[in-house]
C-alpha cells in the first residue's frame, strides 16, 4: 500500500522534525487555556446523525461538548442490518453500563471473563467464573429480545504439546467440550467466543480445524453457539496472507456460527499510523470470502480505542475515551481527516516530551466503516464497550 507508506513517512517526519500543521503560539495557548471547554451532561432528543455531528472536520470543542450526549429515546433502536457483537471487560466498568443502556443495539455480548486450562490428560478447568455477574446478565437480556451472551473463552497457558495432544485425541476433545457445555449450562451462557487460533504453527492447523469442528458439534447439540476469534486475512503493512486464509475459512465457515475478525491494530509499534485503514479492512473480508458465501457470519472488528505515538518514546500507548477527551481539552488540536485511511488524527506538543500524534475513532470514521460493513454484508464486533465515547452508539 504505497499511499499508506507515504502517510507513515509523513507522520514520522512530524514526530522527529516538527509539526505537520500549525500549532498554537505560547500566547495563544495561554488564551485558550483560560477558556474551559464545556461538556453537556443532559442527553439529546436527537441522534448524532440528525445533529450535524458526523463530519470530516470536527472541532475539538464540539467533540468535548457533545460526546456524552447520546439520544436516550433511540438507545435501543438498531441501524445496523447485520449482527453486532460487543466485548465487555472486567477492568472497564463503564462497558457494563453501556451494555445495559444500549443492549437493544447488540445481538451478542461477549464478556471477557473466562479461561480454559488443561491440568493433565482429559482434565480441564474453566477459570474466571468469579467475574461472572448473573444479575448484570439478566438486566442486559431484558434490553433486547434474543440477545446472546457468549463469553470469550481463552486457551490460557497451553503449550504446543498440550494443544497437539488434545487435537489428536477424540477422548480429550470429548472431555474438553463436555467441560465447556457444563459451564455454559450452569452459568446460563448462550455459547462461547473461542480464542485459540494461532497457538499452533501453520502446518498443524488441520488439528485445530478438527478440534473446532468437534467443539461446534458438541455446542450445537446443547443449543449453544460457537464463535471463533480470527486474525486479519492480510498481514498489516504487507500484501501477504495471514494465518487464517480462504483454505481454513472454507472448512470452518459452514461449521461455526461466527468469526470475530480482528481488523484493527494495523500499525506496528515502531511506525505511527491509522488503526485500521479502510482499504485494508475491505481486503481482509474480500480475501477471506471472495464469493460472499458466508459473510453474514463475519463480525468485522471495530476498535473503540485509539493509539498515541511520541517522538520521545518507542512504541504506542492505547487511548480510551477519557484520555482522549482530556487531551482535546488541554491542547485543542487541529483534527485532520486522512481520506485514504478514512480516519482522523491530530498532533500536539507537550512542554516536555516533544510531539505526539493521536489516532482515535470519530463519528465520521465509524460511519464510513458501518457503510462498508453494510456493503460487504458483514456484521460488527466492537473492542470494547466503554472505551469509546457514549455518542458513538447512536450510529449502531
Protein backbone atom coordinates (compact mmCIF):
# COMPACT_ATOMS: atom_id res chain seq x y z
CA UNK A 1 0.00 0.00 0.00
CA UNK A 2 2.21 2.87 -1.29
CA UNK A 3 -0.19 5.58 -0.10
CA UNK A 4 -0.15 4.17 3.43
CA UNK A 5 3.66 4.04 3.46
CA UNK A 6 3.74 7.69 2.37
CA UNK A 7 1.45 8.64 5.26
CA UNK A 8 3.62 6.74 7.75
CA UNK A 9 6.72 8.57 6.47
CA UNK A 10 4.96 11.92 6.85
CA UNK A 11 3.93 11.11 10.43
CA UNK A 12 7.44 10.07 11.40
CA UNK A 13 8.74 13.32 9.94
CA UNK A 14 6.20 15.21 12.03
CA UNK A 15 7.33 13.49 15.21
CA UNK A 16 11.02 13.88 14.52
CA UNK A 17 11.31 17.32 12.96
CA UNK A 18 8.26 19.42 13.62
CA UNK A 19 4.61 19.95 13.08
CA UNK A 20 2.67 18.88 10.02
CA UNK A 21 0.13 21.61 10.79
CA UNK A 22 0.42 24.90 12.64
CA UNK A 23 0.15 24.82 16.41
CA UNK A 24 -0.81 27.47 18.94
CA UNK A 25 1.80 30.02 19.92
CA UNK A 26 2.56 30.40 23.63
CA UNK A 27 0.35 33.48 23.88
CA UNK A 28 -2.50 31.76 22.02
CA UNK A 29 -2.12 28.70 24.23
CA UNK A 30 -2.49 30.82 27.34
CA UNK A 31 -5.64 32.42 25.97
CA UNK A 32 -7.06 29.02 25.05
CA UNK A 33 -6.22 27.60 28.45
CA UNK A 34 -8.20 30.35 30.11
CA UNK A 35 -11.40 29.06 28.48
CA UNK A 36 -12.54 25.73 29.80
CA UNK A 37 -14.30 23.59 27.22
CA UNK A 38 -17.83 22.67 28.23
CA UNK A 39 -19.36 19.18 28.35
CA UNK A 40 -23.08 18.58 28.12
CA UNK A 41 -24.46 16.45 30.91
CA UNK A 42 -28.01 16.15 29.61
CA UNK A 43 -28.99 13.56 27.00
CA UNK A 44 -30.08 14.57 23.50
CA UNK A 45 -33.50 14.38 21.91
CA UNK A 46 -31.96 13.60 18.51
CA UNK A 47 -29.20 11.15 17.47
CA UNK A 48 -25.85 12.41 16.20
CA UNK A 49 -26.94 11.75 12.60
CA UNK A 50 -29.60 14.49 12.96
CA UNK A 51 -27.42 16.95 14.86
CA UNK A 52 -24.85 17.59 12.12
CA UNK A 53 -22.05 15.90 14.05
CA UNK A 54 -20.96 13.20 11.57
CA UNK A 55 -18.50 15.38 9.64
CA UNK A 56 -14.94 15.12 8.25
CA UNK A 57 -13.87 18.32 10.03
CA UNK A 58 -14.98 18.03 13.69
CA UNK A 59 -13.82 20.67 16.13
CA UNK A 60 -12.34 19.61 19.48
CA UNK A 61 -14.78 21.86 21.34
CA UNK A 62 -17.74 20.14 19.67
CA UNK A 63 -16.45 16.66 20.49
CA UNK A 64 -15.90 17.62 24.12
CA UNK A 65 -19.30 19.31 24.32
CA UNK A 66 -21.35 16.51 22.76
CA UNK A 67 -19.58 13.21 23.50
CA UNK A 68 -21.75 12.23 26.50
CA UNK A 69 -24.97 13.35 24.84
CA UNK A 70 -26.50 10.32 23.16
CA UNK A 71 -30.17 10.05 22.18
CA UNK A 72 -31.90 8.24 25.03
CA UNK A 73 -35.17 7.88 23.13
CA UNK A 74 -33.43 5.75 20.49
CA UNK A 75 -30.94 3.95 22.72
CA UNK A 76 -32.45 0.56 21.81
CA UNK A 77 -33.14 1.31 18.14
CA UNK A 78 -30.87 -0.51 15.69
CA UNK A 79 -29.47 0.98 12.48
CA UNK A 80 -27.19 -1.94 11.55
CA UNK A 81 -28.61 -4.76 9.44
CA UNK A 82 -26.06 -7.41 10.42
CA UNK A 83 -25.24 -8.95 13.77
CA UNK A 84 -23.37 -6.78 16.28
CA UNK A 85 -21.11 -8.26 18.96
CA UNK A 86 -19.75 -6.13 21.78
CA UNK A 87 -16.89 -7.12 24.08
CA UNK A 88 -17.01 -6.18 27.77
CA UNK A 89 -14.01 -6.44 30.10
CA UNK A 90 -13.87 -6.67 33.91
CA UNK A 91 -11.30 -3.86 34.04
CA UNK A 92 -13.62 -1.35 32.36
CA UNK A 93 -16.79 -0.98 34.42
CA UNK A 94 -18.26 1.58 32.03
CA UNK A 95 -18.60 -1.19 29.45
CA UNK A 96 -21.05 -3.00 31.74
CA UNK A 97 -23.18 0.15 31.90
CA UNK A 98 -23.04 0.62 28.13
CA UNK A 99 -24.33 -2.92 27.60
CA UNK A 100 -27.29 -2.20 29.89
CA UNK A 101 -28.19 1.11 28.24
CA UNK A 102 -27.66 0.08 24.61
CA UNK A 103 -28.38 -3.65 24.84
CA UNK A 104 -31.02 -3.40 22.13
CA UNK A 105 -28.38 -2.40 19.57
CA UNK A 106 -26.49 -5.69 20.01
CA UNK A 107 -27.20 -9.27 19.02
CA UNK A 108 -24.29 -10.70 21.04
CA UNK A 109 -22.42 -9.53 24.13
CA UNK A 110 -19.09 -11.19 24.96
CA UNK A 111 -17.78 -10.59 28.48
CA UNK A 112 -14.03 -11.23 28.69
CA UNK A 113 -14.26 -13.45 31.74
CA UNK A 114 -13.07 -16.97 31.11
CA UNK A 115 -10.01 -19.11 30.54
CA UNK A 116 -9.84 -22.84 29.95
CA UNK A 117 -6.86 -24.73 31.31
CA UNK A 118 -5.55 -28.25 30.89
CA UNK A 119 -4.26 -29.89 34.07
CA UNK A 120 -3.41 -33.25 32.53
CA UNK A 121 -4.84 -35.84 30.22
CA UNK A 122 -8.63 -35.35 29.97
CA UNK A 123 -8.53 -32.88 32.88
CA UNK A 124 -9.88 -29.43 32.05
CA UNK A 125 -11.00 -26.46 34.13
CA UNK A 126 -12.73 -23.21 33.21
CA UNK A 127 -11.40 -20.38 35.38
CA UNK A 128 -12.54 -16.79 35.76
CA UNK A 129 -16.01 -17.74 36.96
CA UNK A 130 -15.60 -15.33 39.89
CA UNK A 131 -16.08 -12.48 37.37
CA UNK A 132 -19.46 -13.79 36.17
CA UNK A 133 -22.29 -11.41 37.15
CA UNK A 134 -25.66 -13.14 36.84
CA UNK A 135 -27.60 -10.03 37.86
CA UNK A 136 -25.97 -7.98 35.13
CA UNK A 137 -26.68 -10.75 32.60
CA UNK A 138 -30.37 -10.73 33.49
CA UNK A 139 -30.53 -6.95 33.18
CA UNK A 140 -28.81 -6.92 29.79
CA UNK A 141 -31.07 -9.65 28.42
CA UNK A 142 -34.13 -7.59 29.32
CA UNK A 143 -32.91 -4.83 26.98
CA UNK A 144 -33.19 -6.94 23.84
CA UNK A 145 -35.21 -10.00 22.98
CA UNK A 146 -32.93 -12.72 21.69
CA UNK A 147 -29.67 -11.11 22.84
CA UNK A 148 -26.99 -13.80 23.24
CA UNK A 149 -24.36 -13.68 25.98
CA UNK A 150 -21.28 -15.53 24.72
CA UNK A 151 -18.25 -15.05 26.99
CA UNK A 152 -14.82 -15.12 25.44
CA UNK A 153 -13.00 -18.34 26.31
CA UNK A 154 -9.22 -18.03 26.16
CA UNK A 155 -6.99 -21.10 25.90
CA UNK A 156 -4.60 -19.83 28.54
CA UNK A 157 -1.28 -21.41 29.46
CA UNK A 158 -1.47 -24.13 26.83
CA UNK A 159 1.81 -25.38 25.41
CA UNK A 160 2.05 -26.59 21.83
CA UNK A 161 2.22 -30.10 23.23
CA UNK A 162 -1.00 -29.60 25.23
CA UNK A 163 -2.85 -28.47 22.14
CA UNK A 164 -1.41 -31.21 19.93
CA UNK A 165 -2.39 -33.87 22.46
CA UNK A 166 -5.98 -32.65 22.56
CA UNK A 167 -6.29 -32.20 18.81
CA UNK A 168 -5.04 -35.76 18.23
CA UNK A 169 -7.34 -37.44 20.77
CA UNK A 170 -11.10 -37.92 20.42
CA UNK A 171 -11.32 -38.69 24.15
CA UNK A 172 -9.56 -35.44 25.07
CA UNK A 173 -11.81 -33.42 22.74
CA UNK A 174 -14.87 -35.08 24.25
CA UNK A 175 -13.83 -34.17 27.79
CA UNK A 176 -12.91 -30.62 26.75
CA UNK A 177 -16.25 -29.98 25.07
CA UNK A 178 -18.12 -31.65 27.92
CA UNK A 179 -16.48 -29.21 30.35
CA UNK A 180 -17.45 -26.27 28.14
CA UNK A 181 -21.08 -27.38 27.84
CA UNK A 182 -21.41 -27.98 31.59
CA UNK A 183 -20.11 -24.49 32.39
CA UNK A 184 -22.33 -22.85 29.77
CA UNK A 185 -25.44 -24.59 31.09
CA UNK A 186 -24.70 -23.98 34.77
CA UNK A 187 -23.89 -20.29 34.17
CA UNK A 188 -26.72 -19.60 31.71
CA UNK A 189 -24.45 -18.69 28.80
CA UNK A 190 -25.56 -18.92 25.17
CA UNK A 191 -22.22 -20.22 23.91
CA UNK A 192 -18.63 -19.02 23.68
CA UNK A 193 -16.31 -16.81 21.66
CA UNK A 194 -13.25 -19.06 21.48
CA UNK A 195 -9.74 -17.61 21.20
CA UNK A 196 -7.27 -20.33 20.23
CA UNK A 197 -6.29 -19.74 16.60
CA UNK A 198 -2.57 -19.12 16.12
CA UNK A 199 -1.45 -21.24 19.07
CA UNK A 200 -0.21 -23.93 16.70
CA UNK A 201 2.09 -23.38 13.70
CA UNK A 202 0.56 -23.29 10.23
CA UNK A 203 1.25 -26.88 9.19
CA UNK A 204 -0.70 -28.09 12.23
CA UNK A 205 -3.83 -26.05 11.59
CA UNK A 206 -5.56 -29.20 10.41
CA UNK A 207 -5.56 -30.33 14.04
CA UNK A 208 -7.17 -27.09 15.17
CA UNK A 209 -9.80 -27.42 12.48
CA UNK A 210 -10.52 -30.95 13.72
CA UNK A 211 -10.85 -29.68 17.30
CA UNK A 212 -13.06 -26.72 16.38
CA UNK A 213 -15.33 -28.86 14.23
CA UNK A 214 -15.99 -31.30 17.08
CA UNK A 215 -16.33 -28.41 19.53
CA UNK A 216 -19.00 -26.80 17.35
CA UNK A 217 -20.89 -30.08 17.05
CA UNK A 218 -20.93 -30.57 20.81
CA UNK A 219 -22.03 -26.99 21.48
CA UNK A 220 -24.73 -27.17 18.82
CA UNK A 221 -26.11 -30.38 20.30
CA UNK A 222 -26.53 -28.42 23.54
CA UNK A 223 -28.08 -25.50 21.61
CA UNK A 224 -25.06 -23.30 22.22
CA UNK A 225 -23.15 -21.01 19.86
CA UNK A 226 -19.54 -21.42 18.73
CA UNK A 227 -17.78 -18.23 17.55
CA UNK A 228 -14.06 -18.09 16.72
CA UNK A 229 -11.67 -15.14 17.02
CA UNK A 230 -9.55 -14.94 13.87
CA UNK A 231 -6.60 -12.73 12.84
CA UNK A 232 -6.76 -10.41 9.83
CA UNK A 233 -6.64 -12.23 6.50
CA UNK A 234 -3.99 -9.81 5.23
CA UNK A 235 -0.93 -9.18 7.41
CA UNK A 236 -0.83 -5.44 8.27
CA UNK A 237 1.61 -3.42 6.18
CA UNK A 238 2.07 -6.20 3.62
CA UNK A 239 0.31 -7.98 0.80
CA UNK A 240 0.88 -11.33 2.49
CA UNK A 241 -1.86 -13.63 3.71
CA UNK A 242 -2.39 -14.11 7.43
CA UNK A 243 -2.58 -17.42 9.28
CA UNK A 244 -6.31 -17.83 8.69
CA UNK A 245 -6.87 -18.00 4.95
CA UNK A 246 -9.51 -18.98 2.41
CA UNK A 247 -8.49 -22.62 2.89
CA UNK A 248 -9.35 -22.60 6.60
CA UNK A 249 -12.39 -20.41 6.00
CA UNK A 250 -13.97 -22.86 3.57
CA UNK A 251 -13.60 -25.68 6.11
CA UNK A 252 -14.88 -23.81 9.18
CA UNK A 253 -17.41 -21.31 7.79
CA UNK A 254 -20.12 -23.98 7.32
CA UNK A 255 -19.47 -25.32 10.82
CA UNK A 256 -19.11 -22.36 13.18
CA UNK A 257 -21.72 -19.71 13.99
CA UNK A 258 -19.48 -16.69 13.60
CA UNK A 259 -15.97 -15.28 13.26
CA UNK A 260 -14.71 -12.26 15.20
CA UNK A 261 -12.30 -10.74 12.66
CA UNK A 262 -9.56 -8.60 14.22
CA UNK A 263 -9.43 -5.76 11.71
CA UNK A 264 -7.60 -3.28 13.92
CA UNK A 265 -4.08 -2.69 15.30
CA UNK A 266 -2.77 -2.17 11.76
CA UNK A 267 0.42 -0.20 12.56
CA UNK A 268 3.46 -1.74 14.17
CA UNK A 269 4.75 -0.43 17.48
CA UNK A 270 7.61 1.31 15.65
CA UNK A 271 5.54 3.06 12.96
CA UNK A 272 2.71 5.50 13.73
CA UNK A 273 -0.31 5.19 11.52
CA UNK A 274 -4.06 4.59 11.27
CA UNK A 275 -5.58 1.90 13.49
CA UNK A 276 -7.49 0.25 10.63
CA UNK A 277 -7.07 1.72 7.11
CA UNK A 278 -10.29 1.27 5.17
CA UNK A 279 -8.73 -0.41 2.13
CA UNK A 280 -7.05 -2.99 4.37
CA UNK A 281 -10.29 -3.69 6.24
CA UNK A 282 -12.07 -4.25 2.94
CA UNK A 283 -9.29 -6.53 1.67
CA UNK A 284 -9.43 -8.67 4.82
CA UNK A 285 -13.07 -9.52 4.12
CA UNK A 286 -12.76 -9.96 0.37
CA UNK A 287 -9.70 -12.18 0.62
CA UNK A 288 -11.35 -14.32 3.27
CA UNK A 289 -14.66 -14.82 1.46
CA UNK A 290 -14.29 -13.68 -2.17
CA UNK A 291 -17.59 -15.23 -3.25
CA UNK A 292 -19.53 -13.79 -0.28
CA UNK A 293 -20.99 -17.18 0.64
CA UNK A 294 -20.71 -16.89 4.42
CA UNK A 295 -20.10 -13.19 5.03
CA UNK A 296 -23.06 -12.83 7.36
CA UNK A 297 -21.01 -14.90 9.83
CA UNK A 298 -18.19 -12.34 9.92
CA UNK A 299 -18.10 -9.89 12.83
CA UNK A 300 -15.93 -7.13 11.35
CA UNK A 301 -13.61 -5.79 14.03
CA UNK A 302 -14.21 -2.17 15.01
CA UNK A 303 -11.89 -0.50 17.53
CA UNK A 304 -13.42 1.90 20.03
CA UNK A 305 -9.94 2.82 21.27
CA UNK A 306 -7.05 4.70 19.71
CA UNK A 307 -3.26 4.93 19.79
CA UNK A 308 -0.78 7.64 20.70
CA UNK A 309 2.80 7.95 19.44
CA UNK A 310 5.59 10.09 20.77
CA UNK A 311 9.00 11.10 19.39
CA UNK A 312 10.48 10.53 22.84
CA UNK A 313 9.14 7.00 23.30
CA UNK A 314 9.36 3.83 21.23
CA UNK A 315 6.04 2.12 20.61
CA UNK A 316 2.50 3.28 21.13
CA UNK A 317 0.15 3.79 24.03
CA UNK A 318 -3.55 2.88 24.00
CA UNK A 319 -6.00 5.78 24.17
CA UNK A 320 -9.51 5.36 25.56
CA UNK A 321 -12.30 7.91 25.69
CA UNK A 322 -11.46 9.62 28.97
CA UNK A 323 -7.84 10.21 27.99
CA UNK A 324 -8.86 11.37 24.51
CA UNK A 325 -11.30 13.96 25.85
CA UNK A 326 -8.73 15.21 28.36
CA UNK A 327 -6.17 15.64 25.57
CA UNK A 328 -8.66 17.59 23.47
CA UNK A 329 -9.42 19.84 26.45
CA UNK A 330 -5.79 20.55 27.21
CA UNK A 331 -4.42 21.04 23.69
CA UNK A 332 -7.35 21.79 21.37
CA UNK A 333 -5.53 20.33 18.38
CA UNK A 334 -6.49 20.59 14.73
CA UNK A 335 -8.17 17.30 13.79
CA UNK A 336 -7.04 16.03 10.38
CA UNK A 337 -9.10 13.73 8.17
CA UNK A 338 -6.99 11.19 6.28
CA UNK A 339 -9.24 10.35 3.33
CA UNK A 340 -7.15 7.31 2.31
CA UNK A 341 -7.39 5.56 5.66
CA UNK A 342 -10.76 7.17 6.49
CA UNK A 343 -9.55 8.07 9.98
CA UNK A 344 -8.91 11.23 11.95
CA UNK A 345 -5.67 12.04 13.71
CA UNK A 346 -4.13 15.06 15.38
CA UNK A 347 -0.82 16.13 16.80
CA UNK A 348 0.08 18.15 19.85
CA UNK A 349 3.20 19.14 21.73
CA UNK A 350 3.91 18.78 25.43
CA UNK A 351 6.23 21.20 27.19
CA UNK A 352 8.36 18.17 27.99
CA UNK A 353 8.27 15.06 25.89
CA UNK A 354 8.14 16.51 22.38
CA UNK A 355 5.47 15.95 19.77
CA UNK A 356 2.68 13.42 19.97
CA UNK A 357 0.36 12.00 17.30
CA UNK A 358 -3.02 10.51 18.24
CA UNK A 359 -5.34 8.32 16.19
CA UNK A 360 -8.78 7.77 17.69
CA UNK A 361 -12.21 6.90 16.21
CA UNK A 362 -14.66 9.66 15.37
CA UNK A 363 -18.29 9.64 14.32
CA UNK A 364 -17.18 10.08 10.70
CA UNK A 365 -14.63 7.25 10.72
CA UNK A 366 -17.13 4.91 12.37
CA UNK A 367 -19.93 5.84 9.96
CA UNK A 368 -17.68 5.04 6.99
CA UNK A 369 -16.95 1.62 8.46
CA UNK A 370 -20.62 0.93 9.13
CA UNK A 371 -21.32 1.73 5.49
CA UNK A 372 -18.51 -0.64 4.44
CA UNK A 373 -19.95 -3.42 6.64
CA UNK A 374 -23.36 -2.90 5.03
CA UNK A 375 -21.80 -3.00 1.54
CA UNK A 376 -19.85 -6.19 2.29
CA UNK A 377 -22.74 -7.90 4.04
CA UNK A 378 -20.93 -8.46 7.34
CA UNK A 379 -21.70 -7.82 10.99
CA UNK A 380 -19.58 -5.98 13.56
CA UNK A 381 -17.52 -6.80 16.63
CA UNK A 382 -16.58 -3.90 18.88
CA UNK A 383 -13.49 -3.91 21.08
CA UNK A 384 -14.51 -2.80 23.53
CA UNK A 385 -17.61 -1.30 25.07
CA UNK A 386 -16.79 1.57 27.38
CA UNK A 387 -13.57 2.58 25.63
CA UNK A 388 -15.38 4.73 23.08
CA UNK A 389 -17.46 7.87 23.50
CA UNK A 390 -21.08 7.47 24.55
CA UNK A 391 -22.50 9.19 21.49
CA UNK A 392 -20.82 6.60 19.22
CA UNK A 393 -23.72 4.23 19.98
CA UNK A 394 -26.23 6.49 18.23
CA UNK A 395 -24.71 5.16 14.98
CA UNK A 396 -25.31 1.47 15.70
